[in-house]
């Protein structure tokens, strides 16, 4: 079975479960597993996951994804 790699960790439905046996989960489909959710979706349905939605970027982050603590808004 051929898998189209999907960046689950960038999807708004992905979450960490803190269950050592199944640390990855999908809120949309309501499951947790030891493998990345896109793999489980492909194995279960035979189709690639079509529900990927990229997480929204936080407004207070720079383009490189890090906060600038020299910005006066943090020290006002």
C-alpha atoms as a PDB file:
ATOM      1  CA  UNK A   1       0.000   0.000   0.000  1.00  0.00           C
ATOM      2  CA  UNK A   2       1.435   3.358  -1.072  1.00  0.00           C
ATOM      3  CA  UNK A   3       1.137   6.261   1.390  1.00  0.00           C
ATOM      4  CA  UNK A   4       0.961   9.951   0.534  1.00  0.00           C
ATOM      5  CA  UNK A   5       2.808  11.550   3.445  1.00  0.00           C
ATOM      6  CA  UNK A   6       0.650  14.077   5.275  1.00  0.00           C
ATOM      7  CA  UNK A   7       2.089  16.372   7.954  1.00  0.00           C
ATOM      8  CA  UNK A   8      -0.365  15.438  10.707  1.00  0.00           C
ATOM      9  CA  UNK A   9       1.446  17.553  13.293  1.00  0.00           C
ATOM     10  CA  UNK A  10       0.605  20.650  11.235  1.00  0.00           C
ATOM     11  CA  UNK A  11      -3.096  19.711  11.100  1.00  0.00           C
ATOM     12  CA  UNK A  12      -5.575  21.351  13.469  1.00  0.00           C
ATOM     13  CA  UNK A  13      -7.158  17.953  14.204  1.00  0.00           C
ATOM     14  CA  UNK A  14      -3.907  16.323  15.410  1.00  0.00           C
ATOM     15  CA  UNK A  15      -3.290  16.053  19.138  1.00  0.00           C
ATOM     16  CA  UNK A  16      -0.908  14.379  21.577  1.00  0.00           C
ATOM     17  CA  UNK A  17      -2.721  11.913  23.834  1.00  0.00           C
ATOM     18  CA  UNK A  18      -0.052  11.355  26.523  1.00  0.00           C
ATOM     19  CA  UNK A  19      -0.937   7.650  26.352  1.00  0.00           C
ATOM     20  CA  UNK A  20       2.383   5.822  26.048  1.00  0.00           C
ATOM     21  CA  UNK A  21       0.884   3.037  23.927  1.00  0.00           C
ATOM     22  CA  UNK A  22      -1.003   5.416  21.603  1.00  0.00           C
ATOM     23  CA  UNK A  23       0.580   8.889  21.730  1.00  0.00           C
ATOM     24  CA  UNK A  24      -0.906  10.301  18.503  1.00  0.00           C
ATOM     25  CA  UNK A  25      -4.533  11.172  17.903  1.00  0.00           C
ATOM     26  CA  UNK A  26      -7.016  12.751  15.540  1.00  0.00           C
ATOM     27  CA  UNK A  27      -9.803  14.850  17.069  1.00  0.00           C
ATOM     28  CA  UNK A  28     -11.855  14.786  13.857  1.00  0.00           C
ATOM     29  CA  UNK A  29     -11.984  10.993  13.554  1.00  0.00           C
ATOM     30  CA  UNK A  30     -11.853  10.444  17.318  1.00  0.00           C
ATOM     31  CA  UNK A  31      -9.040   7.936  17.628  1.00  0.00           C
ATOM     32  CA  UNK A  32      -5.560   7.586  19.059  1.00  0.00           C
ATOM     33  CA  UNK A  33      -2.814   5.264  17.853  1.00  0.00           C
ATOM     34  CA  UNK A  34       0.862   4.410  17.906  1.00  0.00           C
ATOM     35  CA  UNK A  35       1.252   5.431  14.240  1.00  0.00           C
ATOM     36  CA  UNK A  36       0.610   8.793  12.614  1.00  0.00           C
ATOM     37  CA  UNK A  37      -3.123   9.328  12.000  1.00  0.00           C
ATOM     38  CA  UNK A  38      -2.792   9.559   8.210  1.00  0.00           C
ATOM     39  CA  UNK A  39      -1.351   6.031   8.164  1.00  0.00           C
ATOM     40  CA  UNK A  40      -4.244   4.629  10.185  1.00  0.00           C
ATOM     41  CA  UNK A  41      -6.793   6.413   7.961  1.00  0.00           C
ATOM     42  CA  UNK A  42      -5.154   4.899   4.857  1.00  0.00           C
ATOM     43  CA  UNK A  43      -5.044   1.413   6.397  1.00  0.00           C
ATOM     44  CA  UNK A  44      -8.677   1.596   7.541  1.00  0.00           C
ATOM     45  CA  UNK A  45     -10.338   3.207   4.535  1.00  0.00           C
ATOM     46  CA  UNK A  46      -7.898   2.537   1.717  1.00  0.00           C
ATOM     47  CA  UNK A  47      -7.930   6.264   0.887  1.00  0.00           C
ATOM     48  CA  UNK A  48      -5.610   9.134   1.791  1.00  0.00           C
ATOM     49  CA  UNK A  49      -6.819  11.463   4.539  1.00  0.00           C
ATOM     50  CA  UNK A  50      -8.734  14.301   2.899  1.00  0.00           C
ATOM     51  CA  UNK A  51      -9.513  16.162   6.135  1.00  0.00           C
ATOM     52  CA  UNK A  52      -6.141  17.885   6.610  1.00  0.00           C
ATOM     53  CA  UNK A  53      -6.555  21.508   7.702  1.00  0.00           C
ATOM     54  CA  UNK A  54      -3.425  23.479   8.531  1.00  0.00           C
ATOM     55  CA  UNK A  55      -3.273  24.970  12.021  1.00  0.00           C
ATOM     56  CA  UNK A  56      -3.757  28.719  12.198  1.00  0.00           C
ATOM     57  CA  UNK A  57      -0.593  30.712  12.808  1.00  0.00           C
ATOM     58  CA  UNK A  58      -0.418  32.593  16.066  1.00  0.00           C
ATOM     59  CA  UNK A  59      -0.586  36.357  15.624  1.00  0.00           C
ATOM     60  CA  UNK A  60       2.268  37.076  18.040  1.00  0.00           C
ATOM     61  CA  UNK A  61       4.855  34.907  16.276  1.00  0.00           C
ATOM     62  CA  UNK A  62       7.428  36.068  13.772  1.00  0.00           C
ATOM     63  CA  UNK A  63       7.913  34.326  10.426  1.00  0.00           C
ATOM     64  CA  UNK A  64      10.494  32.008  11.964  1.00  0.00           C
ATOM     65  CA  UNK A  65       7.977  30.740  14.527  1.00  0.00           C
ATOM     66  CA  UNK A  66       9.708  32.225  17.587  1.00  0.00           C
ATOM     67  CA  UNK A  67       8.576  35.007  19.871  1.00  0.00           C
ATOM     68  CA  UNK A  68      10.660  38.159  20.038  1.00  0.00           C
ATOM     69  CA  UNK A  69      10.960  38.831  23.769  1.00  0.00           C
ATOM     70  CA  UNK A  70      12.723  42.120  22.987  1.00  0.00           C
ATOM     71  CA  UNK A  71       9.371  43.400  21.729  1.00  0.00           C
ATOM     72  CA  UNK A  72       8.034  46.024  24.199  1.00  0.00           C
ATOM     73  CA  UNK A  73       4.538  44.493  24.169  1.00  0.00           C
ATOM     74  CA  UNK A  74       5.834  41.740  26.473  1.00  0.00           C
ATOM     75  CA  UNK A  75       7.244  44.201  29.006  1.00  0.00           C
ATOM     76  CA  UNK A  76       4.560  46.863  29.272  1.00  0.00           C
END
